[in-house]
Amino acid sequence: MSINKALLALAMGFALAACTNSQQAADSAAEAADAAGEAQQAADNAAATGNAPAADAAQASADAAAAAADAAATSADTAAANAGTTEADDAADAAENAADAAEQAQDAAEEAAASADAPTNNDGKK
């Protein structure tokens, strides 16, 4: 009986790890999407100032944030599809790295917008 309990505990541990990887990846994808949205808002704000160089720099950063958000979403899908494997673990890490990249691109877009005296760090608000 104790061997069965040990096997059950081990199986539950693997299931919990699989859920954790999938949830971590999904959370990272959501963070990346938020960062991409805020980066685009900063780019829009920079464009509204008429300062073309700042607007171009902010838009390039917003595009980079959107690409990172796409990568995070793809990684989250991979983590969910391969739950319980090392591939899911790797995909969760990749999603987290992509979220970090999106947040860095958001910062760059906001800095470019700030250089044009545009409103920044608006948390999705105009």
Protein backbone atom coordinates (compact mmCIF):
# COMPACT_ATOMS: atom_id res chain seq x y z
CA MET A 1 0.00 0.00 0.00
CA SER A 2 2.80 2.47 0.77
CA ILE A 3 4.30 1.96 -2.70
CA ASN A 4 0.96 2.90 -4.26
CA LYS A 5 0.78 6.01 -2.09
CA ALA A 6 4.32 6.94 -3.10
CA LEU A 7 3.51 6.49 -6.78
CA LEU A 8 0.33 8.52 -6.37
CA ALA A 9 2.25 11.30 -4.62
CA LEU A 10 4.85 11.26 -7.38
CA ALA A 11 2.18 11.44 -10.08
CA MET A 12 0.47 14.32 -8.30
CA GLY A 13 3.81 16.10 -8.03
CA PHE A 14 4.34 15.81 -11.79
CA ALA A 15 0.81 17.07 -12.43
CA LEU A 16 1.38 20.06 -10.15
CA ALA A 17 4.67 20.87 -11.88
CA ALA A 18 2.95 20.68 -15.26
CA CYS A 19 0.24 23.08 -14.11
CA THR A 20 2.85 25.40 -12.64
CA ASN A 21 4.81 25.55 -15.93
CA SER A 22 1.68 26.20 -17.95
CA GLN A 23 0.45 28.85 -15.52
CA GLN A 24 3.86 30.52 -15.37
CA ALA A 25 3.99 30.65 -19.16
CA ALA A 26 0.43 31.99 -19.39
CA ASP A 27 1.19 34.67 -16.80
CA SER A 28 4.32 35.67 -18.70
CA ALA A 29 2.37 35.88 -21.95
CA ALA A 30 -0.20 38.13 -20.28
CA GLU A 31 2.55 40.39 -18.91
CA ALA A 32 4.13 40.59 -22.36
CA ALA A 33 0.80 41.47 -23.96
CA ASP A 34 0.27 44.25 -21.40
CA ALA A 35 3.76 45.60 -22.06
CA ALA A 36 3.15 45.55 -25.80
CA GLY A 37 -0.11 47.44 -25.36
CA GLU A 38 1.54 50.11 -23.24
CA ALA A 39 4.44 50.38 -25.67
CA GLN A 40 2.01 50.94 -28.53
CA GLN A 41 0.20 53.61 -26.50
CA ALA A 42 3.53 55.34 -25.89
CA ALA A 43 4.26 55.19 -29.62
CA ASP A 44 0.84 56.66 -30.39
CA ASN A 45 1.46 59.41 -27.85
CA ALA A 46 4.84 60.18 -29.41
CA ALA A 47 3.29 60.30 -32.87
CA ALA A 48 0.71 62.78 -31.64
CA THR A 49 3.48 65.25 -30.76
CA GLY A 50 4.61 65.48 -34.39
CA ASN A 51 8.19 64.62 -33.43
CA ALA A 52 8.95 62.12 -36.19
CA PRO A 53 12.29 60.79 -34.89
CA ALA A 54 10.85 60.13 -31.42
CA ALA A 55 7.70 58.63 -32.90
CA ASP A 56 9.74 56.34 -35.16
CA ALA A 57 11.90 55.18 -32.24
CA ALA A 58 8.85 54.59 -30.05
CA GLN A 59 7.10 52.67 -32.82
CA ALA A 60 10.15 50.48 -33.40
CA SER A 61 10.18 49.67 -29.70
CA ALA A 62 6.45 48.98 -29.73
CA ASP A 63 6.95 46.62 -32.67
CA ALA A 64 9.69 44.83 -30.71
CA ALA A 65 7.37 44.53 -27.72
CA ALA A 66 4.63 43.07 -29.92
CA ALA A 67 7.06 40.52 -31.36
CA ALA A 68 8.15 39.55 -27.85
CA ALA A 69 4.50 39.20 -26.81
CA ASP A 70 3.91 36.89 -29.78
CA ALA A 71 6.92 34.82 -28.76
CA ALA A 72 5.64 34.61 -25.18
CA ALA A 73 2.22 33.46 -26.39
CA THR A 74 3.79 30.81 -28.59
CA SER A 75 5.89 29.60 -25.67
CA ALA A 76 2.81 29.49 -23.45
CA ASP A 77 1.04 27.35 -26.03
CA THR A 78 4.04 25.05 -26.18
CA ALA A 79 4.14 24.75 -22.39
CA ALA A 80 0.45 23.88 -22.28
CA ALA A 81 0.73 21.34 -25.08
CA ASN A 82 3.72 19.59 -23.52
CA ALA A 83 2.72 19.65 -19.85
CA GLY A 84 4.94 17.63 -17.58
CA THR A 85 7.95 17.54 -19.90
CA THR A 86 11.25 19.35 -19.98
CA GLU A 87 9.97 21.02 -23.14
CA ALA A 88 7.20 22.62 -21.05
CA ASP A 89 9.81 23.77 -18.56
CA ASP A 90 11.90 25.29 -21.33
CA ALA A 91 8.85 26.90 -22.90
CA ALA A 92 7.87 28.48 -19.58
CA ASP A 93 11.38 29.91 -19.26
CA ALA A 94 11.22 31.20 -22.84
CA ALA A 95 7.88 32.86 -22.14
CA GLU A 96 9.35 34.57 -19.09
CA ASN A 97 12.35 35.78 -21.12
CA ALA A 98 10.03 37.09 -23.83
CA ALA A 99 7.98 38.95 -21.22
CA ASP A 100 11.17 40.56 -19.94
CA ALA A 101 12.06 41.59 -23.50
CA ALA A 102 8.59 43.07 -24.01
CA GLU A 103 8.92 45.08 -20.80
CA GLN A 104 12.32 46.38 -21.89
CA ALA A 105 10.87 47.39 -25.25
CA GLN A 106 7.99 49.10 -23.42
CA ASP A 107 10.55 51.09 -21.40
CA ALA A 108 12.34 52.08 -24.61
CA ALA A 109 9.08 53.20 -26.23
CA GLU A 110 8.19 55.25 -23.18
CA GLU A 111 11.65 56.83 -23.13
CA ALA A 112 11.31 57.76 -26.80
CA ALA A 113 7.87 59.22 -26.16
CA ALA A 114 9.20 61.15 -23.17
CA SER A 115 11.90 62.65 -25.38
CA ALA A 116 9.06 64.18 -27.43
CA ASP A 117 7.33 65.39 -24.25
CA ALA A 118 4.51 62.92 -24.85
CA PRO A 119 2.58 61.36 -21.96
CA THR A 120 4.05 58.04 -20.83
CA ASN A 121 3.51 55.24 -18.34
CA ASN A 122 -0.21 55.52 -18.82
CA ASP A 123 -1.14 51.91 -17.99
CA GLY A 124 -3.25 51.64 -21.12
CA LYS A 125 -4.98 55.00 -20.62
CA LYS A 126 -4.85 57.85 -23.06
